[in-house]
């Protein structure tokens, strides 16, 4: 039976994570980006971990791209992998300069437990699962950041540093990148069966939960207990 495209598959995905997204917006890390209450050491911890995460996220994008059935998707995911390392790393490096951190300092930092778990999940899915599942697992990192960026830009921030971070993810350029992945996800969902879409939804929900955990990791400056 052909898939009913009256409602985009990504709309179904988003409806399924609305409570998770609401919890992200309520989190004191995210609220603190606008009201100025987020301690600078928490943001510094987050920024370092995010830089380390982006390296592994880029690897996962390249792995997914290598398995894509369409030339356009091969190009897109590999370009996004390069962009994650170039554009967003440039943003992080501007923060690190203000924090007095060198590239060597960042590289020598171990991944926090949540970061390692999230990266491991993405890499395992991108390498060992079908292409449609890999795309669904990668999507929350794009989409949730875009939605958070737009929401925080509307709220405004009292901190110029946080305003700079918010502007990156609320920008039209980043929005165009996210929309391209949303369009691809909807097309992919239309090519697979109901069970495959259920697996896509499972991965999407799991990595959306990891997104909340990542904010929480930054806020608590999570370390290894032993």
N, C-alpha and C. Protein backbone atom coordinates (compact mmCIF):
# COMPACT_ATOMS: atom_id res chain seq x y z
N UNK A 1 0.85 -1.20 0.00
CA UNK A 1 0.00 0.00 0.00
C UNK A 1 0.89 1.24 0.00
N UNK A 2 0.69 2.16 -0.94
CA UNK A 2 1.54 3.35 -0.98
C UNK A 2 1.37 4.22 0.25
N UNK A 3 2.44 4.92 0.60
CA UNK A 3 2.42 5.77 1.79
C UNK A 3 1.56 7.01 1.53
N UNK A 4 0.72 7.35 2.49
CA UNK A 4 -0.15 8.53 2.38
C UNK A 4 0.70 9.77 2.65
N UNK A 5 0.92 10.57 1.62
CA UNK A 5 1.76 11.76 1.74
C UNK A 5 0.95 13.02 2.02
N UNK A 6 -0.33 12.86 2.42
CA UNK A 6 -1.15 14.04 2.73
C UNK A 6 -0.49 14.87 3.82
N UNK A 7 0.12 14.19 4.80
CA UNK A 7 0.90 14.89 5.82
C UNK A 7 2.35 14.43 5.69
N UNK A 8 3.27 15.36 5.63
CA UNK A 8 4.68 15.01 5.48
C UNK A 8 5.11 14.12 6.64
N UNK A 9 5.97 13.15 6.33
CA UNK A 9 6.45 12.24 7.36
C UNK A 9 7.17 13.00 8.47
N UNK A 10 7.88 14.06 8.10
CA UNK A 10 8.58 14.82 9.13
C UNK A 10 7.62 15.48 10.11
N UNK A 11 6.42 15.81 9.65
CA UNK A 11 5.41 16.35 10.58
C UNK A 11 5.02 15.30 11.61
N UNK A 12 4.90 14.05 11.17
CA UNK A 12 4.62 12.96 12.11
C UNK A 12 5.76 12.80 13.10
N UNK A 13 6.98 12.87 12.60
CA UNK A 13 8.14 12.76 13.49
C UNK A 13 8.12 13.84 14.56
N UNK A 14 7.84 15.07 14.13
CA UNK A 14 7.87 16.18 15.09
C UNK A 14 6.76 16.06 16.13
N UNK A 15 5.59 15.64 15.70
CA UNK A 15 4.50 15.44 16.67
C UNK A 15 4.90 14.44 17.74
N UNK A 16 5.67 13.44 17.34
CA UNK A 16 6.09 12.41 18.28
C UNK A 16 7.09 12.90 19.32
N UNK A 17 7.80 14.00 19.03
CA UNK A 17 8.80 14.48 19.99
C UNK A 17 8.42 15.82 20.60
N UNK A 18 7.19 16.25 20.43
CA UNK A 18 6.80 17.54 21.00
C UNK A 18 7.07 17.64 22.49
N UNK A 19 6.80 16.58 23.30
CA UNK A 19 7.14 16.69 24.73
C UNK A 19 8.65 16.83 24.97
N UNK A 20 9.45 16.18 24.15
CA UNK A 20 10.91 16.28 24.29
C UNK A 20 11.35 17.70 23.96
N UNK A 21 10.83 18.24 22.86
CA UNK A 21 11.20 19.60 22.47
C UNK A 21 10.76 20.61 23.53
N UNK A 22 9.58 20.42 24.08
CA UNK A 22 9.11 21.32 25.14
C UNK A 22 10.04 21.26 26.35
N UNK A 23 10.52 20.06 26.67
CA UNK A 23 11.45 19.90 27.79
C UNK A 23 12.78 20.59 27.49
N UNK A 24 13.21 20.56 26.23
CA UNK A 24 14.44 21.27 25.84
C UNK A 24 14.27 22.77 26.07
N UNK A 25 13.17 23.33 25.62
CA UNK A 25 12.95 24.77 25.78
C UNK A 25 12.85 25.17 27.25
N UNK A 26 12.38 24.25 28.09
CA UNK A 26 12.27 24.54 29.53
C UNK A 26 13.59 24.37 30.27
N UNK A 27 14.53 23.70 29.64
CA UNK A 27 15.76 23.37 30.36
C UNK A 27 16.50 24.65 30.77
N UNK A 28 17.06 24.71 31.98
CA UNK A 28 17.74 25.93 32.43
C UNK A 28 18.94 26.32 31.56
N UNK A 29 19.57 25.37 30.90
CA UNK A 29 20.65 25.75 29.97
C UNK A 29 20.08 26.60 28.84
N UNK A 30 19.02 26.12 28.21
CA UNK A 30 18.44 26.83 27.07
C UNK A 30 17.81 28.14 27.51
N UNK A 31 17.04 28.12 28.60
CA UNK A 31 16.47 29.38 29.11
C UNK A 31 17.56 30.37 29.48
N UNK A 32 18.65 29.85 30.02
CA UNK A 32 19.73 30.72 30.45
C UNK A 32 20.45 31.44 29.34
N UNK A 33 20.31 30.93 28.10
CA UNK A 33 20.92 31.60 26.95
C UNK A 33 20.24 32.94 26.66
N UNK A 34 18.97 33.07 27.04
CA UNK A 34 18.26 34.32 26.78
C UNK A 34 18.17 35.21 28.00
N UNK A 35 17.95 34.64 29.19
CA UNK A 35 17.78 35.50 30.36
C UNK A 35 19.09 35.85 31.06
N UNK A 36 20.19 35.32 30.52
CA UNK A 36 21.50 35.66 31.07
C UNK A 36 21.90 34.86 32.29
N UNK A 37 21.09 33.87 32.68
CA UNK A 37 21.38 33.12 33.90
C UNK A 37 22.33 31.95 33.69
N UNK A 38 22.63 31.61 32.43
CA UNK A 38 23.53 30.47 32.19
C UNK A 38 24.95 30.84 32.59
N UNK A 39 25.54 30.11 33.54
CA UNK A 39 26.92 30.43 33.95
C UNK A 39 27.88 30.23 32.78
N UNK A 40 28.81 31.14 32.64
CA UNK A 40 29.77 31.04 31.55
C UNK A 40 30.55 29.71 31.56
N UNK A 41 30.95 29.18 32.74
CA UNK A 41 31.67 27.89 32.72
C UNK A 41 30.83 26.75 32.13
N UNK A 42 29.50 26.79 32.32
CA UNK A 42 28.64 25.77 31.73
C UNK A 42 28.63 25.89 30.21
N UNK A 43 28.57 27.13 29.70
CA UNK A 43 28.59 27.31 28.26
C UNK A 43 29.95 26.91 27.69
N UNK A 44 31.02 27.24 28.37
CA UNK A 44 32.35 26.85 27.91
C UNK A 44 32.47 25.33 27.84
N UNK A 45 31.99 24.64 28.86
CA UNK A 45 32.02 23.18 28.86
C UNK A 45 31.23 22.64 27.67
N UNK A 46 30.03 23.19 27.48
CA UNK A 46 29.18 22.77 26.36
C UNK A 46 29.88 23.02 25.02
N UNK A 47 30.47 24.20 24.84
CA UNK A 47 31.08 24.54 23.56
C UNK A 47 32.23 23.60 23.22
N UNK A 48 33.03 23.25 24.21
CA UNK A 48 34.13 22.31 23.97
C UNK A 48 33.59 20.94 23.59
N UNK A 49 32.59 20.47 24.35
CA UNK A 49 32.01 19.17 24.03
C UNK A 49 31.32 19.18 22.67
N UNK A 50 30.70 20.30 22.32
CA UNK A 50 30.02 20.39 21.03
C UNK A 50 31.02 20.35 19.89
N UNK A 51 32.17 20.98 20.07
CA UNK A 51 33.21 20.93 19.04
C UNK A 51 33.68 19.49 18.84
N UNK A 52 33.85 18.76 19.94
CA UNK A 52 34.25 17.36 19.84
C UNK A 52 33.15 16.52 19.19
N UNK A 53 31.91 16.83 19.53
CA UNK A 53 30.77 16.13 18.93
C UNK A 53 30.71 16.35 17.42
N UNK A 54 30.94 17.57 16.98
CA UNK A 54 30.80 17.89 15.56
C UNK A 54 31.76 17.09 14.69
N UNK A 55 32.92 16.78 15.21
CA UNK A 55 33.87 15.95 14.46
C UNK A 55 33.26 14.58 14.19
N UNK A 56 32.62 14.00 15.20
CA UNK A 56 32.02 12.67 15.04
C UNK A 56 30.72 12.76 14.23
N UNK A 57 29.97 13.85 14.41
CA UNK A 57 28.77 14.05 13.61
C UNK A 57 29.14 14.14 12.13
N UNK A 58 30.23 14.82 11.83
CA UNK A 58 30.69 14.92 10.44
C UNK A 58 31.05 13.54 9.89
N UNK A 59 31.68 12.72 10.70
CA UNK A 59 31.99 11.35 10.26
C UNK A 59 30.70 10.59 9.94
N UNK A 60 29.70 10.74 10.81
CA UNK A 60 28.43 10.04 10.60
C UNK A 60 27.74 10.54 9.31
N UNK A 61 27.81 11.84 9.05
CA UNK A 61 27.24 12.38 7.82
C UNK A 61 27.93 11.79 6.60
N UNK A 62 29.25 11.69 6.65
CA UNK A 62 29.98 11.13 5.52
C UNK A 62 29.65 9.65 5.32
N UNK A 63 29.51 8.92 6.41
CA UNK A 63 29.14 7.50 6.31
C UNK A 63 27.75 7.36 5.68
N UNK A 64 26.82 8.20 6.12
CA UNK A 64 25.48 8.16 5.54
C UNK A 64 25.53 8.52 4.06
N UNK A 65 26.29 9.56 3.73
CA UNK A 65 26.41 9.97 2.34
C UNK A 65 26.97 8.89 1.45
N UNK A 66 27.91 8.13 1.96
CA UNK A 66 28.52 7.06 1.17
C UNK A 66 27.51 5.97 0.82
N UNK A 67 26.44 5.87 1.60
CA UNK A 67 25.46 4.82 1.37
C UNK A 67 24.19 5.34 0.69
N UNK A 68 24.17 6.62 0.38
CA UNK A 68 22.97 7.22 -0.21
C UNK A 68 22.73 6.68 -1.62
N UNK A 69 21.47 6.43 -1.99
CA UNK A 69 21.16 5.89 -3.32
C UNK A 69 21.11 6.95 -4.42
N UNK A 70 21.13 8.23 -4.05
CA UNK A 70 21.02 9.30 -5.04
C UNK A 70 22.27 10.17 -5.00
N UNK A 71 22.74 10.56 -6.18
CA UNK A 71 23.92 11.42 -6.25
C UNK A 71 23.74 12.70 -5.44
N UNK A 72 22.55 13.28 -5.53
CA UNK A 72 22.30 14.55 -4.84
C UNK A 72 22.47 14.39 -3.34
N UNK A 73 22.07 13.25 -2.79
CA UNK A 73 22.20 13.02 -1.36
C UNK A 73 23.64 12.71 -0.97
N UNK A 74 24.37 12.03 -1.84
CA UNK A 74 25.80 11.81 -1.59
C UNK A 74 26.49 13.16 -1.45
N UNK A 75 26.22 14.04 -2.40
CA UNK A 75 26.83 15.38 -2.39
C UNK A 75 26.39 16.15 -1.15
N UNK A 76 25.09 16.13 -0.87
CA UNK A 76 24.55 16.94 0.22
C UNK A 76 25.17 16.56 1.56
N UNK A 77 25.16 15.27 1.89
CA UNK A 77 25.65 14.88 3.21
C UNK A 77 27.16 15.08 3.35
N UNK A 78 27.89 14.91 2.27
CA UNK A 78 29.33 15.17 2.36
C UNK A 78 29.62 16.66 2.45
N UNK A 79 28.83 17.47 1.76
CA UNK A 79 28.98 18.92 1.91
C UNK A 79 28.62 19.36 3.32
N UNK A 80 27.60 18.76 3.90
CA UNK A 80 27.21 19.11 5.27
C UNK A 80 28.29 18.68 6.26
N UNK A 81 28.93 17.55 5.99
CA UNK A 81 30.03 17.11 6.85
C UNK A 81 31.15 18.13 6.84
N UNK A 82 31.49 18.60 5.65
CA UNK A 82 32.55 19.62 5.54
C UNK A 82 32.11 20.92 6.21
N UNK A 83 30.83 21.28 6.03
CA UNK A 83 30.33 22.51 6.63
C UNK A 83 30.34 22.44 8.15
N UNK A 84 30.02 21.28 8.71
CA UNK A 84 30.02 21.13 10.16
C UNK A 84 31.40 21.39 10.72
N UNK A 85 32.42 20.97 9.99
CA UNK A 85 33.78 21.15 10.47
C UNK A 85 34.30 22.56 10.20
N UNK A 86 33.83 23.20 9.13
CA UNK A 86 34.35 24.51 8.77
C UNK A 86 33.57 25.64 9.45
N UNK A 87 32.27 25.70 9.18
CA UNK A 87 31.47 26.84 9.62
C UNK A 87 31.27 26.83 11.13
N UNK A 88 30.78 25.70 11.65
CA UNK A 88 30.49 25.67 13.08
C UNK A 88 31.77 25.63 13.91
N UNK A 89 32.81 24.99 13.38
CA UNK A 89 34.07 24.99 14.12
C UNK A 89 34.62 26.41 14.21
N UNK A 90 34.41 27.20 13.16
CA UNK A 90 34.84 28.60 13.20
C UNK A 90 34.13 29.34 14.32
N UNK A 91 32.84 29.07 14.49
CA UNK A 91 32.08 29.69 15.59
C UNK A 91 32.66 29.27 16.93
N UNK A 92 32.90 27.99 17.10
CA UNK A 92 33.45 27.51 18.36
C UNK A 92 34.83 28.11 18.64
N UNK A 93 35.65 28.19 17.61
CA UNK A 93 37.00 28.71 17.81
C UNK A 93 36.98 30.17 18.24
N UNK A 94 35.97 30.91 17.78
CA UNK A 94 35.87 32.30 18.24
C UNK A 94 35.55 32.34 19.73
N UNK A 95 34.75 31.38 20.19
CA UNK A 95 34.48 31.28 21.62
C UNK A 95 35.73 30.87 22.39
N UNK A 96 36.46 29.90 21.86
CA UNK A 96 37.63 29.39 22.57
C UNK A 96 38.68 30.48 22.74
N UNK A 97 38.79 31.35 21.76
CA UNK A 97 39.73 32.46 21.87
C UNK A 97 39.36 33.34 23.05
N UNK A 98 38.06 33.59 23.21
CA UNK A 98 37.61 34.40 24.35
C UNK A 98 37.81 33.67 25.67
N UNK A 99 37.73 32.33 25.63
CA UNK A 99 37.90 31.54 26.85
C UNK A 99 39.37 31.30 27.18
N UNK A 100 40.26 31.65 26.24
CA UNK A 100 41.68 31.41 26.46
C UNK A 100 42.07 29.96 26.24
N UNK A 101 41.32 29.25 25.40
CA UNK A 101 41.60 27.85 25.12
C UNK A 101 42.27 27.71 23.76
N UNK A 102 43.22 26.82 23.65
CA UNK A 102 43.87 26.53 22.37
C UNK A 102 43.21 25.30 21.74
N UNK A 103 43.51 25.09 20.46
CA UNK A 103 43.00 23.90 19.78
C UNK A 103 43.49 22.63 20.48
N UNK A 104 44.71 22.68 20.98
CA UNK A 104 45.26 21.52 21.69
C UNK A 104 44.50 21.26 22.99
N UNK A 105 44.10 22.34 23.66
CA UNK A 105 43.31 22.18 24.89
C UNK A 105 42.00 21.45 24.60
N UNK A 106 41.34 21.86 23.53
CA UNK A 106 40.06 21.25 23.17
C UNK A 106 40.26 19.80 22.77
N UNK A 107 41.25 19.55 21.92
CA UNK A 107 41.49 18.18 21.44
C UNK A 107 41.84 17.23 22.58
N UNK A 108 42.46 17.75 23.63
CA UNK A 108 42.88 16.90 24.75
C UNK A 108 41.75 16.63 25.74
N UNK A 109 40.60 17.27 25.54
CA UNK A 109 39.47 17.09 26.45
C UNK A 109 38.74 15.78 26.14
N UNK A 110 38.51 14.92 27.12
CA UNK A 110 37.76 13.68 26.84
C UNK A 110 36.29 13.96 26.61
N UNK A 111 35.67 13.14 25.80
CA UNK A 111 34.23 13.26 25.62
C UNK A 111 33.53 12.92 26.93
N UNK A 112 32.56 13.75 27.30
CA UNK A 112 31.73 13.46 28.47
C UNK A 112 30.90 12.21 28.18
N UNK A 113 30.43 11.52 29.23
CA UNK A 113 29.69 10.27 29.01
C UNK A 113 28.53 10.39 28.03
N UNK A 114 27.69 11.42 28.18
CA UNK A 114 26.56 11.59 27.27
C UNK A 114 27.03 11.84 25.86
N UNK A 115 28.07 12.63 25.71
CA UNK A 115 28.60 12.93 24.38
C UNK A 115 29.11 11.66 23.71
N UNK A 116 29.86 10.87 24.44
CA UNK A 116 30.38 9.63 23.89
C UNK A 116 29.25 8.69 23.49
N UNK A 117 28.22 8.59 24.33
CA UNK A 117 27.10 7.71 24.03
C UNK A 117 26.36 8.19 22.78
N UNK A 118 26.12 9.49 22.67
CA UNK A 118 25.41 10.05 21.52
C UNK A 118 26.21 9.83 20.24
N UNK A 119 27.50 10.16 20.28
CA UNK A 119 28.34 9.97 19.10
C UNK A 119 28.39 8.51 18.69
N UNK A 120 28.50 7.63 19.67
CA UNK A 120 28.58 6.19 19.37
C UNK A 120 27.30 5.71 18.70
N UNK A 121 26.16 6.22 19.18
CA UNK A 121 24.87 5.83 18.59
C UNK A 121 24.79 6.29 17.14
N UNK A 122 25.17 7.55 16.89
CA UNK A 122 25.11 8.07 15.52
C UNK A 122 26.02 7.30 14.59
N UNK A 123 27.25 7.04 15.02
CA UNK A 123 28.20 6.35 14.17
C UNK A 123 27.77 4.92 13.91
N UNK A 124 27.26 4.25 14.95
CA UNK A 124 26.82 2.87 14.77
C UNK A 124 25.64 2.80 13.80
N UNK A 125 24.73 3.76 13.90
CA UNK A 125 23.56 3.77 13.02
C UNK A 125 23.97 4.12 11.59
N UNK A 126 24.85 5.10 11.44
CA UNK A 126 25.28 5.51 10.11
C UNK A 126 26.06 4.41 9.41
N UNK A 127 26.79 3.61 10.19
CA UNK A 127 27.63 2.56 9.61
C UNK A 127 26.87 1.26 9.43
N UNK A 128 26.02 0.90 10.41
CA UNK A 128 25.46 -0.43 10.41
C UNK A 128 23.99 -0.55 10.08
N UNK A 129 23.29 0.56 9.97
CA UNK A 129 21.85 0.51 9.69
C UNK A 129 21.58 0.97 8.27
N UNK A 130 20.40 0.65 7.73
CA UNK A 130 20.06 1.13 6.39
C UNK A 130 20.08 2.65 6.31
N UNK A 131 20.23 3.15 5.10
CA UNK A 131 20.36 4.58 4.87
C UNK A 131 19.19 5.36 5.46
N UNK A 132 17.97 4.86 5.30
CA UNK A 132 16.81 5.62 5.80
C UNK A 132 16.86 5.78 7.31
N UNK A 133 17.37 4.78 8.01
CA UNK A 133 17.49 4.88 9.46
C UNK A 133 18.59 5.86 9.85
N UNK A 134 19.69 5.85 9.13
CA UNK A 134 20.78 6.78 9.42
C UNK A 134 20.32 8.22 9.29
N UNK A 135 19.56 8.52 8.25
CA UNK A 135 19.09 9.89 8.03
C UNK A 135 18.18 10.31 9.18
N UNK A 136 17.29 9.43 9.61
CA UNK A 136 16.38 9.77 10.71
C UNK A 136 17.14 10.02 12.00
N UNK A 137 18.21 9.26 12.23
CA UNK A 137 19.00 9.46 13.45
C UNK A 137 19.76 10.78 13.42
N UNK A 138 20.17 11.21 12.24
CA UNK A 138 20.94 12.45 12.10
C UNK A 138 20.05 13.70 12.14
N UNK A 139 18.79 13.55 11.78
CA UNK A 139 17.91 14.71 11.60
C UNK A 139 17.73 15.58 12.85
N UNK A 140 17.57 15.03 14.06
CA UNK A 140 17.33 15.93 15.20
C UNK A 140 18.42 16.95 15.45
N UNK A 141 19.67 16.60 15.20
CA UNK A 141 20.74 17.57 15.42
C UNK A 141 20.57 18.78 14.52
N UNK A 142 20.10 18.58 13.32
CA UNK A 142 19.79 19.70 12.42
C UNK A 142 18.56 20.46 12.94
N UNK A 143 17.48 19.70 13.02
CA UNK A 143 16.16 20.32 13.14
C UNK A 143 15.93 20.96 14.50
N UNK A 144 16.32 20.27 15.57
CA UNK A 144 16.09 20.83 16.91
C UNK A 144 16.91 22.10 17.09
N UNK A 145 18.15 22.12 16.60
CA UNK A 145 18.96 23.33 16.73
C UNK A 145 18.34 24.49 15.97
N UNK A 146 17.78 24.21 14.82
CA UNK A 146 17.14 25.29 14.05
C UNK A 146 15.93 25.83 14.81
N UNK A 147 15.10 24.93 15.33
CA UNK A 147 13.91 25.37 16.06
C UNK A 147 14.30 26.11 17.34
N UNK A 148 15.29 25.60 18.06
CA UNK A 148 15.76 26.29 19.27
C UNK A 148 16.33 27.66 18.90
N UNK A 149 17.13 27.70 17.85
CA UNK A 149 17.70 28.98 17.44
C UNK A 149 16.64 30.02 17.14
N UNK A 150 15.61 29.62 16.40
CA UNK A 150 14.54 30.56 16.06
C UNK A 150 13.77 31.00 17.31
N UNK A 151 13.50 30.04 18.19
CA UNK A 151 12.76 30.38 19.41
C UNK A 151 13.54 31.34 20.29
N UNK A 152 14.84 31.12 20.41
CA UNK A 152 15.66 31.98 21.26
C UNK A 152 15.88 33.35 20.62
N UNK A 153 15.96 33.39 19.31
CA UNK A 153 16.10 34.69 18.64
C UNK A 153 14.86 35.54 18.88
N UNK A 154 13.69 34.91 18.84
CA UNK A 154 12.46 35.67 19.12
C UNK A 154 12.47 36.20 20.55
N UNK A 155 13.01 35.42 21.47
CA UNK A 155 13.05 35.84 22.88
C UNK A 155 14.11 36.90 23.12
N UNK A 156 15.20 36.85 22.36
CA UNK A 156 16.31 37.78 22.57
C UNK A 156 17.19 37.34 23.71
N UNK A 157 18.43 37.81 23.69
CA UNK A 157 19.37 37.44 24.75
C UNK A 157 20.03 38.68 25.32
N UNK A 158 20.33 38.62 26.61
CA UNK A 158 21.01 39.72 27.28
C UNK A 158 22.53 39.61 27.15
N UNK A 159 23.00 38.49 26.62
CA UNK A 159 24.44 38.23 26.58
C UNK A 159 24.92 38.23 25.13
N UNK A 160 25.86 39.10 24.75
CA UNK A 160 26.32 39.17 23.35
C UNK A 160 26.91 37.86 22.86
N UNK A 161 27.61 37.14 23.73
CA UNK A 161 28.19 35.87 23.32
C UNK A 161 27.11 34.86 22.97
N UNK A 162 26.08 34.79 23.80
CA UNK A 162 24.99 33.86 23.54
C UNK A 162 24.18 34.32 22.33
N UNK A 163 24.08 35.62 22.14
CA UNK A 163 23.39 36.13 20.95
C UNK A 163 24.08 35.66 19.68
N UNK A 164 25.39 35.64 19.69
CA UNK A 164 26.15 35.17 18.53
C UNK A 164 25.88 33.70 18.25
N UNK A 165 25.83 32.91 19.31
CA UNK A 165 25.53 31.48 19.15
C UNK A 165 24.12 31.31 18.57
N UNK A 166 23.16 32.01 19.15
CA UNK A 166 21.77 31.90 18.71
C UNK A 166 21.64 32.28 17.24
N UNK A 167 22.31 33.34 16.83
CA UNK A 167 22.21 33.81 15.46
C UNK A 167 22.66 32.80 14.43
N UNK A 168 23.64 31.99 14.78
CA UNK A 168 24.13 30.97 13.86
C UNK A 168 23.03 29.98 13.51
N UNK A 169 22.27 29.54 14.50
CA UNK A 169 21.28 28.49 14.28
C UNK A 169 19.92 29.03 13.90
N UNK A 170 19.70 30.32 14.07
CA UNK A 170 18.45 30.94 13.63
C UNK A 170 18.56 31.50 12.21
N UNK A 171 19.75 31.43 11.63
CA UNK A 171 19.99 32.09 10.35
C UNK A 171 19.28 31.41 9.19
N UNK A 172 19.04 32.19 8.14
CA UNK A 172 18.43 31.65 6.92
C UNK A 172 19.33 30.62 6.27
N UNK A 173 20.64 30.83 6.34
CA UNK A 173 21.57 29.88 5.75
C UNK A 173 21.45 28.51 6.41
N UNK A 174 21.41 28.50 7.75
CA UNK A 174 21.27 27.23 8.43
C UNK A 174 19.89 26.64 8.17
N UNK A 175 18.88 27.47 8.10
CA UNK A 175 17.54 27.00 7.80
C UNK A 175 17.45 26.30 6.46
N UNK A 176 18.18 26.82 5.47
CA UNK A 176 18.18 26.19 4.14
C UNK A 176 18.81 24.81 4.19
N UNK A 177 19.86 24.67 4.98
CA UNK A 177 20.51 23.37 5.16
C UNK A 177 19.53 22.38 5.78
N UNK A 178 18.85 22.82 6.83
CA UNK A 178 17.90 21.95 7.52
C UNK A 178 16.75 21.56 6.59
N UNK A 179 16.24 22.52 5.84
CA UNK A 179 15.12 22.23 4.96
C UNK A 179 15.49 21.19 3.91
N UNK A 180 16.72 21.23 3.43
CA UNK A 180 17.16 20.24 2.45
C UNK A 180 17.11 18.83 3.04
N UNK A 181 17.48 18.70 4.31
CA UNK A 181 17.45 17.39 4.95
C UNK A 181 16.01 16.96 5.23
N UNK A 182 15.16 17.90 5.60
CA UNK A 182 13.75 17.58 5.80
C UNK A 182 13.12 17.08 4.49
N UNK A 183 13.43 17.75 3.40
CA UNK A 183 12.90 17.33 2.11
C UNK A 183 13.39 15.93 1.75
N UNK A 184 14.66 15.68 1.99
CA UNK A 184 15.22 14.36 1.70
C UNK A 184 14.54 13.30 2.57
N UNK A 185 14.33 13.61 3.84
CA UNK A 185 13.71 12.65 4.75
C UNK A 185 12.30 12.29 4.28
N UNK A 186 11.55 13.28 3.85
CA UNK A 186 10.20 13.01 3.36
C UNK A 186 10.22 12.15 2.09
N UNK A 187 11.17 12.43 1.22
CA UNK A 187 11.26 11.62 -0.01
C UNK A 187 11.66 10.19 0.32
N UNK A 188 12.62 10.04 1.23
CA UNK A 188 13.06 8.70 1.62
C UNK A 188 11.91 7.92 2.25
N UNK A 189 11.14 8.58 3.12
CA UNK A 189 10.03 7.92 3.79
C UNK A 189 8.98 7.43 2.79
N UNK A 190 8.82 8.16 1.70
CA UNK A 190 7.86 7.75 0.68
C UNK A 190 8.30 6.56 -0.13
N UNK A 191 9.58 6.18 0.00
CA UNK A 191 10.10 5.06 -0.78
C UNK A 191 10.15 3.76 0.01
N UNK A 192 9.92 3.84 1.31
CA UNK A 192 10.04 2.64 2.15
C UNK A 192 8.68 2.26 2.74
N UNK A 193 8.64 1.11 3.37
CA UNK A 193 7.39 0.61 3.92
C UNK A 193 7.12 1.08 5.34
N UNK A 194 5.99 0.64 5.89
CA UNK A 194 5.55 1.08 7.21
C UNK A 194 6.55 0.68 8.29
N UNK A 195 7.09 -0.54 8.22
CA UNK A 195 8.04 -0.97 9.24
C UNK A 195 9.31 -0.12 9.18
N UNK A 196 9.76 0.20 7.99
CA UNK A 196 10.95 1.04 7.86
C UNK A 196 10.70 2.43 8.43
N UNK A 197 9.50 2.96 8.23
CA UNK A 197 9.18 4.27 8.80
C UNK A 197 9.11 4.20 10.32
N UNK A 198 8.65 3.07 10.86
CA UNK A 198 8.65 2.92 12.32
C UNK A 198 10.07 2.93 12.86
N UNK A 199 10.99 2.30 12.14
CA UNK A 199 12.38 2.32 12.58
C UNK A 199 12.97 3.73 12.47
N UNK A 200 12.59 4.46 11.44
CA UNK A 200 13.03 5.84 11.31
C UNK A 200 12.54 6.67 12.51
N UNK A 201 11.28 6.48 12.87
CA UNK A 201 10.72 7.21 14.00
C UNK A 201 11.43 6.85 15.30
N UNK A 202 11.77 5.57 15.46
CA UNK A 202 12.47 5.14 16.68
C UNK A 202 13.82 5.84 16.80
N UNK A 203 14.57 5.88 15.71
CA UNK A 203 15.88 6.55 15.76
C UNK A 203 15.72 8.05 16.00
N UNK A 204 14.75 8.64 15.34
CA UNK A 204 14.52 10.08 15.48
C UNK A 204 14.20 10.44 16.93
N UNK A 205 13.36 9.64 17.56
CA UNK A 205 13.00 9.89 18.95
C UNK A 205 14.20 9.69 19.87
N UNK A 206 14.97 8.65 19.62
CA UNK A 206 16.14 8.38 20.47
C UNK A 206 17.14 9.51 20.42
N UNK A 207 17.47 9.98 19.23
CA UNK A 207 18.48 11.04 19.16
C UNK A 207 17.92 12.39 19.59
N UNK A 208 16.59 12.57 19.51
CA UNK A 208 15.99 13.77 20.09
C UNK A 208 16.17 13.77 21.60
N UNK A 209 16.04 12.60 22.22
CA UNK A 209 16.30 12.49 23.66
C UNK A 209 17.76 12.80 23.97
N UNK A 210 18.65 12.33 23.11
CA UNK A 210 20.06 12.66 23.31
C UNK A 210 20.30 14.17 23.22
N UNK A 211 19.52 14.85 22.39
CA UNK A 211 19.67 16.31 22.31
C UNK A 211 19.36 16.95 23.66
N UNK A 212 18.27 16.52 24.31
CA UNK A 212 17.98 17.04 25.65
C UNK A 212 19.13 16.71 26.60
N UNK A 213 19.61 15.49 26.53
CA UNK A 213 20.68 15.07 27.42
C UNK A 213 21.95 15.88 27.20
N UNK A 214 22.18 16.29 25.95
CA UNK A 214 23.38 17.09 25.66
C UNK A 214 23.30 18.45 26.35
N UNK A 215 22.14 19.10 26.30
CA UNK A 215 21.97 20.36 27.02
C UNK A 215 22.19 20.15 28.51
N UNK A 216 21.62 19.07 29.03
CA UNK A 216 21.75 18.79 30.46
C UNK A 216 23.20 18.50 30.82
N UNK A 217 23.89 17.78 29.97
CA UNK A 217 25.31 17.50 30.17
C UNK A 217 26.10 18.79 30.31
N UNK A 218 25.81 19.77 29.44
CA UNK A 218 26.50 21.04 29.52
C UNK A 218 26.19 21.80 30.80
N UNK A 219 24.92 21.77 31.18
CA UNK A 219 24.50 22.52 32.36
C UNK A 219 25.15 21.97 33.64
N UNK A 220 25.23 20.65 33.71
CA UNK A 220 25.80 20.01 34.91
C UNK A 220 27.31 19.84 34.81
N UNK A 221 27.87 20.14 33.62
CA UNK A 221 29.30 19.93 33.35
C UNK A 221 29.67 18.49 33.69
N UNK A 222 28.93 17.62 33.06
CA UNK A 222 28.99 16.18 33.35
C UNK A 222 30.40 15.62 33.22
N UNK A 223 30.78 14.83 34.20
CA UNK A 223 32.07 14.15 34.17
C UNK A 223 31.89 12.67 34.39
N UNK A 224 32.97 11.95 34.25
CA UNK A 224 32.93 10.51 34.51
C UNK A 224 32.94 10.28 36.02
N UNK A 225 32.02 9.44 36.53
CA UNK A 225 31.92 9.28 37.99
C UNK A 225 33.09 8.53 38.62
N UNK A 226 33.79 7.72 37.82
CA UNK A 226 34.94 6.97 38.35
C UNK A 226 36.10 7.04 37.36
